Amino acid sequence: MAKRATRIAASKNEPVVTLYPDQGWSPLGEDDQHREQSYVRKVRPQSDNQRRLLKAIGDGNLTVALGPAGTGKTYLAISAAVEAFEEGRVARIMLSRPAVEAGESLGFLPGDLQEKMAPYLRPLYDALSDRLGGKRLRALLADGSIEIAPIAYMRGRTLNNAFIVIDEAQNCTYGQIKMLLTRLGWHSTMVLTGDPDQSDLLPGMSGLADIAARLSELPDVSVVTLDEKDIVRHPLVASMLTVL
């Protein structure tokens, strides 16, 4: 039937439309090409807490950013990382995120490590692509200037001369976060982001709130808390979070 429809369309000089095209998905695939002309060089904070966050990142070596979804924690952290890299203040960018599913299991994922992690790391690719453009991002990933790694592969490393962003830290246990914090090396900056109220772990397993409370007592560590007023997504997001 498909061949017959194709012949009929060709005889009438009509375009043939494939209902289910075979499209291979990639975290930096063709759907990101439109970003090439629109990526942003500078990011301006939209609220006082966002300004506090950017200042804390610029002034210190370790910052913890806490707040609900949509407050720009990850985007501002990655923007600061890209700016530091572009200005030559760090030699590489390291991004890490726990591979925890939000309430559902995807089962076995085929492919190598990068392909298995791609769905979990898509938000980081999006933010990097917005700041660097797809072509430059692919080049920096290829030469190792930007590395995106799962939490499990961070143990034993010392990250010198790097900007490290640990995203979705509410899905890390106390031990995992402690391990990540002790990776910080010389001439490096680390930003830990997360929302303690949206953990996908079992109750009591997330270590983010406890870690943040302990670190807030140290003078050289900044713990910045954002709230509903800092949400930059649709206004309904802030309204819903007040009742959910």
C-alpha atoms as a PDB file:
ATOM      1  CA  MET A   1       0.000   0.000   0.000  1.00  0.00           C
ATOM      2  CA  ALA A   2       2.801   2.383   0.855  1.00  0.00           C
ATOM      3  CA  LYS A   3       4.521   1.792  -2.516  1.00  0.00           C
ATOM      4  CA  ARG A   4       1.238   2.288  -4.330  1.00  0.00           C
ATOM      5  CA  ALA A   5       0.571   5.566  -2.489  1.00  0.00           C
ATOM      6  CA  THR A   6       4.060   6.734  -3.375  1.00  0.00           C
ATOM      7  CA  ARG A   7       3.548   5.961  -7.081  1.00  0.00           C
ATOM      8  CA  ILE A   8       0.184   7.736  -7.101  1.00  0.00           C
ATOM      9  CA  ALA A   9       1.633  10.819  -5.410  1.00  0.00           C
ATOM     10  CA  ALA A  10       4.577  10.860  -7.814  1.00  0.00           C
ATOM     11  CA  SER A  11       2.249  10.627 -10.825  1.00  0.00           C
ATOM     12  CA  LYS A  12       0.331  13.655  -9.553  1.00  0.00           C
ATOM     13  CA  ASN A  13       3.537  15.563  -8.759  1.00  0.00           C
ATOM     14  CA  GLU A  14       2.510  15.784  -5.135  1.00  0.00           C
ATOM     15  CA  PRO A  15       5.016  15.698  -2.285  1.00  0.00           C
ATOM     16  CA  VAL A  16       5.331  12.399  -0.472  1.00  0.00           C
ATOM     17  CA  VAL A  17       4.893  12.789   3.278  1.00  0.00           C
ATOM     18  CA  THR A  18       6.394  10.121   5.532  1.00  0.00           C
ATOM     19  CA  LEU A  19       4.121   9.703   8.518  1.00  0.00           C
ATOM     20  CA  TYR A  20       6.708   8.049  10.740  1.00  0.00           C
ATOM     21  CA  PRO A  21      10.190   9.152   9.672  1.00  0.00           C
ATOM     22  CA  ASP A  22      13.147   7.201  11.004  1.00  0.00           C
ATOM     23  CA  GLN A  23      14.856   9.882  13.061  1.00  0.00           C
ATOM     24  CA  GLY A  24      17.851   9.025  15.202  1.00  0.00           C
ATOM     25  CA  TRP A  25      17.944  11.072  18.408  1.00  0.00           C
ATOM     26  CA  SER A  26      21.058  12.780  19.666  1.00  0.00           C
ATOM     27  CA  PRO A  27      21.502  15.241  22.548  1.00  0.00           C
ATOM     28  CA  LEU A  28      23.210  17.540  20.052  1.00  0.00           C
ATOM     29  CA  GLY A  29      21.333  16.546  16.926  1.00  0.00           C
ATOM     30  CA  GLU A  30      19.663  18.456  14.134  1.00  0.00           C
ATOM     31  CA  ASP A  31      16.990  19.872  16.443  1.00  0.00           C
ATOM     32  CA  ASP A  32      19.617  22.124  18.007  1.00  0.00           C
ATOM     33  CA  GLN A  33      20.695  23.770  14.755  1.00  0.00           C
ATOM     34  CA  HIS A  34      18.348  26.700  15.291  1.00  0.00           C
ATOM     35  CA  ARG A  35      20.337  27.627  18.389  1.00  0.00           C
ATOM     36  CA  GLU A  36      23.349  28.569  16.298  1.00  0.00           C
ATOM     37  CA  GLN A  37      22.014  32.046  15.577  1.00  0.00           C
ATOM     38  CA  SER A  38      20.375  32.711  18.929  1.00  0.00           C
ATOM     39  CA  TYR A  39      22.733  31.627  21.692  1.00  0.00           C
ATOM     40  CA  VAL A  40      23.325  34.149  24.465  1.00  0.00           C
ATOM     41  CA  ARG A  41      26.666  35.652  25.409  1.00  0.00           C
ATOM     42  CA  LYS A  42      25.638  37.352  28.645  1.00  0.00           C
ATOM     43  CA  VAL A  43      22.943  36.377  31.098  1.00  0.00           C
ATOM     44  CA  ARG A  44      21.324  38.977  33.312  1.00  0.00           C
ATOM     45  CA  PRO A  45      19.853  37.949  36.672  1.00  0.00           C
ATOM     46  CA  GLN A  46      16.130  38.618  36.919  1.00  0.00           C
ATOM     47  CA  SER A  47      15.816  38.961  40.711  1.00  0.00           C
ATOM     48  CA  ASP A  48      17.766  39.924  43.806  1.00  0.00           C
ATOM     49  CA  ASN A  49      18.334  36.280  44.773  1.00  0.00           C
ATOM     50  CA  GLN A  50      19.650  35.478  41.310  1.00  0.00           C
ATOM     51  CA  ARG A  51      22.036  38.429  41.632  1.00  0.00           C
ATOM     52  CA  ARG A  52      23.134  37.070  45.020  1.00  0.00           C
ATOM     53  CA  LEU A  53      23.738  33.679  43.456  1.00  0.00           C
ATOM     54  CA  LEU A  54      25.901  35.016  40.627  1.00  0.00           C
ATOM     55  CA  LYS A  55      27.872  37.189  43.060  1.00  0.00           C
ATOM     56  CA  ALA A  56      28.440  34.230  45.389  1.00  0.00           C
ATOM     57  CA  ILE A  57      29.670  32.094  42.484  1.00  0.00           C
ATOM     58  CA  GLY A  58      32.027  34.851  41.362  1.00  0.00           C
ATOM     59  CA  ASP A  59      33.413  35.561  44.825  1.00  0.00           C
ATOM     60  CA  GLY A  60      33.905  32.058  46.230  1.00  0.00           C
ATOM     61  CA  ASN A  61      35.054  28.570  45.347  1.00  0.00           C
ATOM     62  CA  LEU A  62      32.014  26.662  46.625  1.00  0.00           C
ATOM     63  CA  THR A  63      28.377  27.707  46.318  1.00  0.00           C
ATOM     64  CA  VAL A  64      25.195  25.789  47.120  1.00  0.00           C
ATOM     65  CA  ALA A  65      22.085  26.978  45.274  1.00  0.00           C
ATOM     66  CA  LEU A  66      18.767  25.795  46.682  1.00  0.00           C
ATOM     67  CA  GLY A  67      15.329  26.555  45.297  1.00  0.00           C
ATOM     68  CA  PRO A  68      12.236  25.287  43.500  1.00  0.00           C
ATOM     69  CA  ALA A  69      12.001  24.395  39.824  1.00  0.00           C
ATOM     70  CA  GLY A  70      12.327  27.268  37.375  1.00  0.00           C
ATOM     71  CA  THR A  71      14.404  29.623  39.501  1.00  0.00           C
ATOM     72  CA  GLY A  72      17.382  29.436  37.134  1.00  0.00           C
ATOM     73  CA  LYS A  73      19.781  27.585  39.438  1.00  0.00           C
ATOM     74  CA  THR A  74      21.252  25.323  36.779  1.00  0.00           C
ATOM     75  CA  TYR A  75      21.164  27.863  33.971  1.00  0.00           C
ATOM     76  CA  LEU A  76      22.936  30.552  36.019  1.00  0.00           C
ATOM     77  CA  ALA A  77      25.555  28.068  37.236  1.00  0.00           C
ATOM     78  CA  ILE A  78      26.309  26.889  33.694  1.00  0.00           C
ATOM     79  CA  SER A  79      26.331  30.488  32.450  1.00  0.00           C
ATOM     80  CA  ALA A  80      28.930  31.344  35.085  1.00  0.00           C
ATOM     81  CA  ALA A  81      30.933  28.264  34.077  1.00  0.00           C
ATOM     82  CA  VAL A  82      30.914  29.254  30.399  1.00  0.00           C
ATOM     83  CA  GLU A  83      31.918  32.820  31.245  1.00  0.00           C
ATOM     84  CA  ALA A  84      34.834  31.621  33.398  1.00  0.00           C
ATOM     85  CA  PHE A  85      35.944  29.274  30.621  1.00  0.00           C
ATOM     86  CA  GLU A  86      35.700  31.940  27.909  1.00  0.00           C
ATOM     87  CA  GLU A  87      37.729  34.385  30.013  1.00  0.00           C
ATOM     88  CA  GLY A  88      40.448  31.785  30.623  1.00  0.00           C
ATOM     89  CA  ARG A  89      39.901  31.584  34.386  1.00  0.00           C
ATOM     90  CA  VAL A  90      39.434  27.805  34.161  1.00  0.00           C
ATOM     91  CA  ALA A  91      40.730  25.268  31.657  1.00  0.00           C
ATOM     92  CA  ARG A  92      37.653  23.039  31.552  1.00  0.00           C
ATOM     93  CA  ILE A  93      34.041  22.656  32.588  1.00  0.00           C
ATOM     94  CA  MET A  94      32.888  19.567  34.462  1.00  0.00           C
ATOM     95  CA  LEU A  95      29.164  18.825  34.789  1.00  0.00           C
ATOM     96  CA  SER A  96      27.683  15.969  36.767  1.00  0.00           C
ATOM     97  CA  ARG A  97      24.136  14.846  37.474  1.00  0.00           C
ATOM     98  CA  PRO A  98      22.680  11.737  39.138  1.00  0.00           C
ATOM     99  CA  ALA A  99      20.984   9.266  36.785  1.00  0.00           C
ATOM    100  CA  VAL A 100      17.759   9.034  38.762  1.00  0.00           C
ATOM    101  CA  GLU A 101      14.416   8.613  37.021  1.00  0.00           C
ATOM    102  CA  ALA A 102      11.503  10.805  38.125  1.00  0.00           C
ATOM    103  CA  GLY A 103       9.045   8.220  39.343  1.00  0.00           C
ATOM    104  CA  GLU A 104       9.176   5.827  36.396  1.00  0.00           C
ATOM    105  CA  SER A 105      11.600   3.254  35.072  1.00  0.00           C
ATOM    106  CA  LEU A 106      12.870   3.425  31.511  1.00  0.00           C
ATOM    107  CA  GLY A 107      14.341  -0.034  31.742  1.00  0.00           C
ATOM    108  CA  PHE A 108      17.533  -1.031  29.934  1.00  0.00           C
ATOM    109  CA  LEU A 109      18.952   1.702  27.715  1.00  0.00           C
ATOM    110  CA  PRO A 110      21.083   0.577  24.750  1.00  0.00           C
ATOM    111  CA  GLY A 111      24.371   2.121  23.680  1.00  0.00           C
ATOM    112  CA  ASP A 112      27.596   3.222  25.313  1.00  0.00           C
ATOM    113  CA  LEU A 113      27.887   5.303  28.499  1.00  0.00           C
ATOM    114  CA  GLN A 114      27.296   8.617  26.735  1.00  0.00           C
ATOM    115  CA  GLU A 115      24.197   7.296  24.974  1.00  0.00           C
ATOM    116  CA  LYS A 116      22.798   5.815  28.203  1.00  0.00           C
ATOM    117  CA  MET A 117      23.304   9.095  30.079  1.00  0.00           C
ATOM    118  CA  ALA A 118      22.046  11.392  27.310  1.00  0.00           C
ATOM    119  CA  PRO A 119      18.366  11.475  28.401  1.00  0.00           C
ATOM    120  CA  TYR A 120      19.328  12.397  31.969  1.00  0.00           C
ATOM    121  CA  LEU A 121      21.805  15.066  30.882  1.00  0.00           C
ATOM    122  CA  ARG A 122      19.599  16.750  28.295  1.00  0.00           C
ATOM    123  CA  PRO A 123      18.939  19.843  30.505  1.00  0.00           C
ATOM    124  CA  LEU A 124      22.689  20.422  30.759  1.00  0.00           C
ATOM    125  CA  TYR A 125      23.144  20.083  26.990  1.00  0.00           C
ATOM    126  CA  ASP A 126      20.316  22.581  26.467  1.00  0.00           C
ATOM    127  CA  ALA A 127      21.872  25.197  28.738  1.00  0.00           C
ATOM    128  CA  LEU A 128      25.346  24.737  27.227  1.00  0.00           C
ATOM    129  CA  SER A 129      23.968  24.935  23.692  1.00  0.00           C
ATOM    130  CA  ASP A 130      22.142  28.164  24.539  1.00  0.00           C
ATOM    131  CA  ARG A 131      25.390  29.721  25.724  1.00  0.00           C
ATOM    132  CA  LEU A 132      27.902  28.296  23.238  1.00  0.00           C
ATOM    133  CA  GLY A 133      25.983  27.235  20.161  1.00  0.00           C
ATOM    134  CA  GLY A 134      25.719  23.643  18.991  1.00  0.00           C
ATOM    135  CA  LYS A 135      28.836  23.511  16.786  1.00  0.00           C
ATOM    136  CA  ARG A 136      31.170  24.978  19.400  1.00  0.00           C
ATOM    137  CA  LEU A 137      29.684  22.765  22.097  1.00  0.00           C
ATOM    138  CA  ARG A 138      30.299  19.634  20.017  1.00  0.00           C
ATOM    139  CA  ALA A 139      33.914  20.703  19.462  1.00  0.00           C
ATOM    140  CA  LEU A 140      34.512  21.354  23.179  1.00  0.00           C
ATOM    141  CA  LEU A 141      32.937  18.034  24.130  1.00  0.00           C
ATOM    142  CA  ALA A 142      35.110  16.249  21.575  1.00  0.00           C
ATOM    143  CA  ASP A 143      38.398  17.702  22.849  1.00  0.00           C
ATOM    144  CA  GLY A 144      37.510  17.252  26.526  1.00  0.00           C
ATOM    145  CA  SER A 145      37.264  20.937  27.437  1.00  0.00           C
ATOM    146  CA  ILE A 146      33.718  20.197  28.571  1.00  0.00           C
ATOM    147  CA  GLU A 147      33.067  16.900  30.306  1.00  0.00           C
ATOM    148  CA  ILE A 148      29.682  15.597  31.401  1.00  0.00           C
ATOM    149  CA  ALA A 149      29.929  12.602  33.718  1.00  0.00           C
ATOM    150  CA  PRO A 150      27.607  10.589  35.965  1.00  0.00           C
ATOM    151  CA  ILE A 151      28.056  10.833  39.727  1.00  0.00           C
ATOM    152  CA  ALA A 152      29.355   7.269  39.931  1.00  0.00           C
ATOM    153  CA  TYR A 153      32.426   8.119  37.819  1.00  0.00           C
ATOM    154  CA  MET A 154      33.606  11.023  39.998  1.00  0.00           C
ATOM    155  CA  ARG A 155      35.141   9.030  42.841  1.00  0.00           C
ATOM    156  CA  GLY A 156      38.921   9.200  43.066  1.00  0.00           C
ATOM    157  CA  ARG A 157      39.294  12.282  40.882  1.00  0.00           C
ATOM    158  CA  THR A 158      40.869  15.620  41.783  1.00  0.00           C
ATOM    159  CA  LEU A 159      39.427  18.440  39.691  1.00  0.00           C
ATOM    160  CA  ASN A 160      42.033  21.199  39.317  1.00  0.00           C
ATOM    161  CA  ASN A 161      41.617  24.370  37.261  1.00  0.00           C
ATOM    162  CA  ALA A 162      37.985  23.509  36.520  1.00  0.00           C
ATOM    163  CA  PHE A 163      34.473  24.828  36.959  1.00  0.00           C
ATOM    164  CA  ILE A 164      32.304  22.033  38.373  1.00  0.00           C
ATOM    165  CA  VAL A 165      28.509  22.082  38.398  1.00  0.00           C
ATOM    166  CA  ILE A 166      26.668  19.343  40.314  1.00  0.00           C
ATOM    167  CA  ASP A 167      23.046  19.481  39.183  1.00  0.00           C
ATOM    168  CA  GLU A 168      19.935  17.881  40.766  1.00  0.00           C
ATOM    169  CA  ALA A 169      21.870  17.302  43.977  1.00  0.00           C
ATOM    170  CA  GLN A 170      18.637  16.513  45.843  1.00  0.00           C
ATOM    171  CA  ASN A 171      18.850  13.095  44.188  1.00  0.00           C
ATOM    172  CA  CYS A 172      22.216  12.393  45.819  1.00  0.00           C
ATOM    173  CA  THR A 173      22.715  10.750  49.185  1.00  0.00           C
ATOM    174  CA  TYR A 174      24.742  12.365  51.943  1.00  0.00           C
ATOM    175  CA  GLY A 175      27.702  10.133  51.115  1.00  0.00           C
ATOM    176  CA  GLN A 176      27.563  10.951  47.410  1.00  0.00           C
ATOM    177  CA  ILE A 177      27.508  14.705  48.014  1.00  0.00           C
ATOM    178  CA  LYS A 178      30.375  14.419  50.506  1.00  0.00           C
ATOM    179  CA  MET A 179      32.370  12.489  47.907  1.00  0.00           C
ATOM    180  CA  LEU A 180      31.634  15.130  45.242  1.00  0.00           C
ATOM    181  CA  LEU A 181      32.578  18.057  47.470  1.00  0.00           C
ATOM    182  CA  THR A 182      35.955  16.503  48.229  1.00  0.00           C
ATOM    183  CA  ARG A 183      36.779  16.375  44.488  1.00  0.00           C
ATOM    184  CA  LEU A 184      37.406  20.155  44.531  1.00  0.00           C
ATOM    185  CA  GLY A 185      41.000  20.925  43.568  1.00  0.00           C
ATOM    186  CA  TRP A 186      43.216  23.984  43.160  1.00  0.00           C
ATOM    187  CA  HIS A 187      42.004  26.981  41.148  1.00  0.00           C
ATOM    188  CA  SER A 188      38.560  25.436  40.833  1.00  0.00           C
ATOM    189  CA  THR A 189      34.996  26.544  41.467  1.00  0.00           C
ATOM    190  CA  MET A 190      32.129  24.227  42.377  1.00  0.00           C
ATOM    191  CA  VAL A 191      28.401  24.945  42.346  1.00  0.00           C
ATOM    192  CA  LEU A 192      25.902  22.519  43.838  1.00  0.00           C
ATOM    193  CA  THR A 193      22.281  23.007  42.758  1.00  0.00           C
ATOM    194  CA  GLY A 194      19.061  21.313  43.799  1.00  0.00           C
ATOM    195  CA  ASP A 195      15.604  21.494  45.328  1.00  0.00           C
ATOM    196  CA  PRO A 196      15.354  19.610  48.641  1.00  0.00           C
ATOM    197  CA  ASP A 197      11.565  19.439  48.241  1.00  0.00           C
ATOM    198  CA  GLN A 198      11.690  17.542  44.931  1.00  0.00           C
ATOM    199  CA  SER A 199      13.855  14.517  45.604  1.00  0.00           C
ATOM    200  CA  ASP A 200      13.145  11.343  43.625  1.00  0.00           C
ATOM    201  CA  LEU A 201      14.864   9.206  46.254  1.00  0.00           C
ATOM    202  CA  LEU A 202      13.094   7.397  49.061  1.00  0.00           C
ATOM    203  CA  PRO A 203      12.173   9.620  52.033  1.00  0.00           C
ATOM    204  CA  GLY A 204      15.168  10.435  54.208  1.00  0.00           C
ATOM    205  CA  MET A 205      17.782   9.377  51.643  1.00  0.00           C
ATOM    206  CA  SER A 206      18.570  12.778  50.118  1.00  0.00           C
ATOM    207  CA  GLY A 207      21.546  14.447  51.740  1.00  0.00           C
ATOM    208  CA  LEU A 208      21.232  17.921  50.181  1.00  0.00           C
ATOM    209  CA  ALA A 209      19.354  19.705  52.988  1.00  0.00           C
ATOM    210  CA  ASP A 210      21.671  18.302  55.679  1.00  0.00           C
ATOM    211  CA  ILE A 211      24.797  19.141  53.681  1.00  0.00           C
ATOM    212  CA  ALA A 212      23.559  22.692  53.005  1.00  0.00           C
ATOM    213  CA  ALA A 213      22.805  23.274  56.695  1.00  0.00           C
ATOM    214  CA  ARG A 214      26.281  22.102  57.718  1.00  0.00           C
ATOM    215  CA  LEU A 215      28.089  24.087  55.012  1.00  0.00           C
ATOM    216  CA  SER A 216      26.207  27.288  55.832  1.00  0.00           C
ATOM    217  CA  GLU A 217      28.270  27.509  59.036  1.00  0.00           C
ATOM    218  CA  LEU A 218      31.518  27.825  57.065  1.00  0.00           C
ATOM    219  CA  PRO A 219      32.569  31.405  56.238  1.00  0.00           C
ATOM    220  CA  ASP A 220      34.086  30.434  52.865  1.00  0.00           C
ATOM    221  CA  VAL A 221      30.991  28.629  51.568  1.00  0.00           C
ATOM    222  CA  SER A 222      27.897  30.426  50.247  1.00  0.00           C
ATOM    223  CA  VAL A 223      24.446  28.838  50.538  1.00  0.00           C
ATOM    224  CA  VAL A 224      21.954  30.818  48.452  1.00  0.00           C
ATOM    225  CA  THR A 225      18.239  30.046  48.698  1.00  0.00           C
ATOM    226  CA  LEU A 226      15.874  31.039  45.915  1.00  0.00           C
ATOM    227  CA  ASP A 227      12.069  30.982  46.207  1.00  0.00           C
ATOM    228  CA  GLU A 228       8.867  31.299  44.188  1.00  0.00           C
ATOM    229  CA  LYS A 229       9.522  34.989  43.453  1.00  0.00           C
ATOM    230  CA  ASP A 230      12.622  33.988  41.475  1.00  0.00           C
ATOM    231  CA  ILE A 231      10.826  31.598  39.089  1.00  0.00           C
ATOM    232  CA  VAL A 232      11.373  32.655  35.475  1.00  0.00           C
ATOM    233  CA  ARG A 233       9.138  30.058  33.820  1.00  0.00           C
ATOM    234  CA  HIS A 234       5.413  30.522  33.195  1.00  0.00           C
ATOM    235  CA  PRO A 235       3.760  32.443  36.088  1.00  0.00           C
ATOM    236  CA  LEU A 236       1.548  29.408  36.732  1.00  0.00           C
ATOM    237  CA  VAL A 237       4.611  27.478  37.929  1.00  0.00           C
ATOM    238  CA  ALA A 238       5.017  29.790  40.923  1.00  0.00           C
ATOM    239  CA  SER A 239       1.281  29.675  41.617  1.00  0.00           C
ATOM    240  CA  MET A 240       1.169  25.885  41.513  1.00  0.00           C
ATOM    241  CA  LEU A 241       4.168  25.450  43.782  1.00  0.00           C
ATOM    242  CA  THR A 242       2.423  27.431  46.513  1.00  0.00           C
ATOM    243  CA  VAL A 243      -0.414  24.872  46.680  1.00  0.00           C
ATOM    244  CA  LEU A 244       1.268  21.598  45.666  1.00  0.00           C
END
